[in-house]
Amino acid sequence: MVELILGGARSGKSRYALGQALNHAGPVAWIATAEAHDAEMRERIRLHRAERPARWRTLESPLALSQALDAAGDTFTVIDCLTLWVSNWLCTDDGPGWLAERDAFLARLAARRAPLLLVSNEVGFGIVPDNALARHFRDEAGFLHQAVAAVAPRVTLVVAGIPMTVKSPPEGHRQ
């Protein structure tokens, strides 16, 4: 079952996904999209790694999420986070590459049978950014969230550490 987990910065969305994964009895794959371009980000990544059990498989994938998802196979998988993935692509200045990778990723989501948690920042609640790149990022993240939410049986919004169900499977649906 695919679950999209949205929230603002420091809302508790990654902690919620981590808790879900810790409750899973079997193997877990964690796909990380962050890149350590400076000391502050290196420290954030170190702290996130320290939260995860050493037995979990970690895949670093700043761009090729469709391939990372293939590599995770039928394992319970967490991707943290989609908005960093969008940002990484927009910084490459490769529009056709982004569109092809996004479409490949969405196709894999539609076929996914193993549990998959997708963490992402909800960026549409704020003001309209004052520059073209930031507006493009906001738009691409919003379009991606809509496409993922259309495929995902479950969508959760996390606010102040409290998960709220936005969309859930119909009763009787097997997960």
Protein backbone atom coordinates (compact mmCIF):
# COMPACT_ATOMS: atom_id res chain seq x y z
CA MET A 1 0.00 0.00 0.00
CA VAL A 2 1.29 3.44 -0.94
CA GLU A 3 0.90 6.25 1.62
CA LEU A 4 1.75 9.88 0.90
CA ILE A 5 2.77 11.69 4.09
CA LEU A 6 2.66 15.47 3.80
CA GLY A 7 3.49 18.21 6.27
CA GLY A 8 5.34 21.45 6.73
CA ALA A 9 8.94 21.83 7.83
CA ARG A 10 9.50 20.18 11.21
CA SER A 11 5.88 19.01 11.33
CA GLY A 12 6.83 15.46 12.38
CA LYS A 13 6.22 13.80 9.01
CA SER A 14 9.58 11.98 8.92
CA ARG A 15 9.16 10.93 12.55
CA TYR A 16 5.70 9.55 11.69
CA ALA A 17 7.17 7.55 8.77
CA LEU A 18 10.00 6.32 10.98
CA GLY A 19 7.49 5.14 13.58
CA GLN A 20 5.50 3.27 10.93
CA ALA A 21 8.68 1.57 9.69
CA LEU A 22 9.83 0.69 13.22
CA ASN A 23 6.47 -1.04 13.77
CA HIS A 24 7.06 -3.21 10.70
CA ALA A 25 8.38 -6.65 11.67
CA GLY A 26 10.18 -7.43 8.41
CA PRO A 27 12.99 -5.82 6.46
CA VAL A 28 12.87 -2.11 5.65
CA ALA A 29 14.47 -0.10 2.86
CA TRP A 30 14.96 3.63 3.41
CA ILE A 31 15.50 5.71 0.28
CA ALA A 32 17.09 9.07 1.08
CA THR A 33 17.09 11.91 -1.45
CA ALA A 34 19.15 14.48 0.49
CA GLU A 35 22.59 15.54 -0.64
CA ALA A 36 25.21 16.82 1.81
CA HIS A 37 26.40 20.04 0.18
CA ASP A 38 27.39 21.75 3.45
CA ALA A 39 28.22 20.99 7.09
CA GLU A 40 24.70 21.68 8.35
CA MET A 41 23.16 19.23 5.88
CA ARG A 42 25.84 16.62 6.63
CA GLU A 43 24.86 16.86 10.30
CA ARG A 44 21.14 16.53 9.51
CA ILE A 45 21.85 13.42 7.44
CA ARG A 46 24.02 11.98 10.23
CA LEU A 47 21.23 12.48 12.78
CA HIS A 48 18.62 10.89 10.50
CA ARG A 49 20.89 7.89 9.88
CA ALA A 50 21.40 7.47 13.64
CA GLU A 51 17.62 7.19 14.13
CA ARG A 52 17.36 4.18 11.83
CA PRO A 53 18.29 0.62 12.83
CA ALA A 54 21.54 -0.58 11.27
CA ARG A 55 19.75 -3.64 9.85
CA TRP A 56 17.68 -1.43 7.52
CA ARG A 57 18.92 -1.01 3.98
CA THR A 58 19.61 2.62 3.09
CA LEU A 59 19.66 3.68 -0.56
CA GLU A 60 20.97 7.15 -1.39
CA SER A 61 19.12 8.39 -4.45
CA PRO A 62 19.00 12.13 -5.06
CA LEU A 63 17.73 11.76 -8.65
CA ALA A 64 16.92 8.20 -9.78
CA LEU A 65 14.00 7.33 -7.51
CA SER A 66 12.45 4.92 -9.99
CA GLN A 67 15.66 2.86 -10.01
CA ALA A 68 15.97 3.03 -6.22
CA LEU A 69 12.41 1.81 -5.87
CA ASP A 70 13.25 -1.09 -8.19
CA ALA A 71 16.31 -1.86 -6.05
CA ALA A 72 14.18 -1.87 -2.89
CA GLY A 73 12.03 -4.59 -4.45
CA ASP A 74 9.13 -5.98 -2.43
CA THR A 75 10.47 -4.60 0.84
CA PHE A 76 8.59 -2.19 3.12
CA THR A 77 10.07 1.07 1.84
CA VAL A 78 10.22 4.71 2.96
CA ILE A 79 11.24 7.53 0.64
CA ASP A 80 12.32 10.70 2.44
CA CYS A 81 11.67 13.08 0.79
CA LEU A 82 9.94 13.88 -2.48
CA THR A 83 10.39 17.66 -2.27
CA LEU A 84 14.17 17.29 -1.96
CA TRP A 85 14.00 15.02 -5.00
CA VAL A 86 12.13 17.72 -6.96
CA SER A 87 14.62 20.34 -5.81
CA ASN A 88 17.57 18.16 -6.82
CA TRP A 89 16.13 17.78 -10.31
CA LEU A 90 15.33 21.47 -10.72
CA CYS A 91 18.92 22.31 -9.79
CA THR A 92 20.19 20.07 -12.62
CA ASP A 93 18.44 22.29 -15.19
CA ASP A 94 17.38 19.10 -17.03
CA GLY A 95 13.66 19.58 -17.66
CA PRO A 96 13.24 16.59 -20.01
CA GLY A 97 15.17 14.36 -17.58
CA TRP A 98 12.93 15.43 -14.70
CA LEU A 99 9.75 14.75 -16.66
CA ALA A 100 10.95 11.31 -17.77
CA GLU A 101 12.05 10.33 -14.25
CA ARG A 102 8.85 11.66 -12.69
CA ASP A 103 6.73 9.66 -15.14
CA ALA A 104 8.81 6.50 -14.59
CA PHE A 105 8.45 6.92 -10.83
CA LEU A 106 4.68 7.43 -11.02
CA ALA A 107 4.34 4.31 -13.19
CA ARG A 108 6.15 2.28 -10.52
CA LEU A 109 3.85 3.66 -7.82
CA ALA A 110 0.80 2.51 -9.71
CA ALA A 111 2.23 -1.03 -9.88
CA ARG A 112 3.56 -1.11 -6.30
CA ARG A 113 2.26 -3.92 -4.06
CA ALA A 114 4.69 -3.75 -1.11
CA PRO A 115 4.14 -1.03 1.53
CA LEU A 116 5.63 2.32 0.54
CA LEU A 117 5.66 5.53 2.57
CA LEU A 118 6.41 8.74 0.68
CA VAL A 119 7.41 11.74 2.81
CA SER A 120 7.08 15.21 1.33
CA ASN A 121 6.77 18.87 2.31
CA GLU A 122 3.41 20.48 1.66
CA VAL A 123 4.55 23.75 0.09
CA GLY A 124 1.23 25.08 -1.17
CA PHE A 125 0.01 26.68 2.06
CA GLY A 126 2.38 29.66 1.94
CA ILE A 127 2.59 32.84 -0.05
CA VAL A 128 3.43 32.90 -3.73
CA PRO A 129 7.25 32.98 -3.95
CA ASP A 130 8.86 36.10 -5.39
CA ASN A 131 11.16 34.36 -7.88
CA ALA A 132 10.66 32.10 -10.86
CA LEU A 133 12.70 29.13 -9.57
CA ALA A 134 10.83 29.03 -6.26
CA ARG A 135 7.46 29.27 -8.06
CA HIS A 136 8.53 26.50 -10.44
CA PHE A 137 9.54 24.33 -7.46
CA ARG A 138 6.22 24.98 -5.70
CA ASP A 139 4.30 24.15 -8.86
CA GLU A 140 6.24 20.94 -9.60
CA ALA A 141 5.91 19.76 -6.00
CA GLY A 142 2.17 20.48 -6.09
CA PHE A 143 1.69 18.63 -9.39
CA LEU A 144 3.71 15.69 -8.07
CA HIS A 145 1.67 15.55 -4.85
CA GLN A 146 -1.57 15.53 -6.84
CA ALA A 147 -0.33 12.71 -9.07
CA VAL A 148 0.93 10.64 -6.12
CA ALA A 149 -2.27 11.25 -4.12
CA ALA A 150 -4.33 10.03 -7.08
CA VAL A 151 -2.46 6.69 -6.97
CA ALA A 152 -1.96 6.35 -3.20
CA PRO A 153 -4.77 4.68 -1.26
CA ARG A 154 -3.73 6.62 1.84
CA VAL A 155 -2.72 10.29 2.30
CA THR A 156 -1.76 11.62 5.73
CA LEU A 157 -1.14 15.25 6.69
CA VAL A 158 1.09 15.74 9.75
CA VAL A 159 0.70 18.99 11.69
CA ALA A 160 2.54 19.63 14.99
CA GLY A 161 3.39 15.93 15.18
CA ILE A 162 -0.25 14.88 14.80
CA PRO A 163 -1.07 12.67 11.80
CA MET A 164 -4.43 13.42 10.20
CA THR A 165 -6.00 11.18 7.59
CA VAL A 166 -6.77 13.03 4.38
CA LYS A 167 -7.55 9.92 2.31
CA SER A 168 -7.95 6.30 3.33
CA PRO A 169 -8.86 3.09 1.52
CA PRO A 170 -12.54 2.16 1.43
CA GLU A 171 -13.70 -0.23 4.13
CA GLY A 172 -12.97 -3.83 3.27
CA HIS A 173 -9.99 -2.82 1.11
CA ARG A 174 -7.04 -5.16 1.71
CA GLN A 175 -3.79 -3.40 2.52
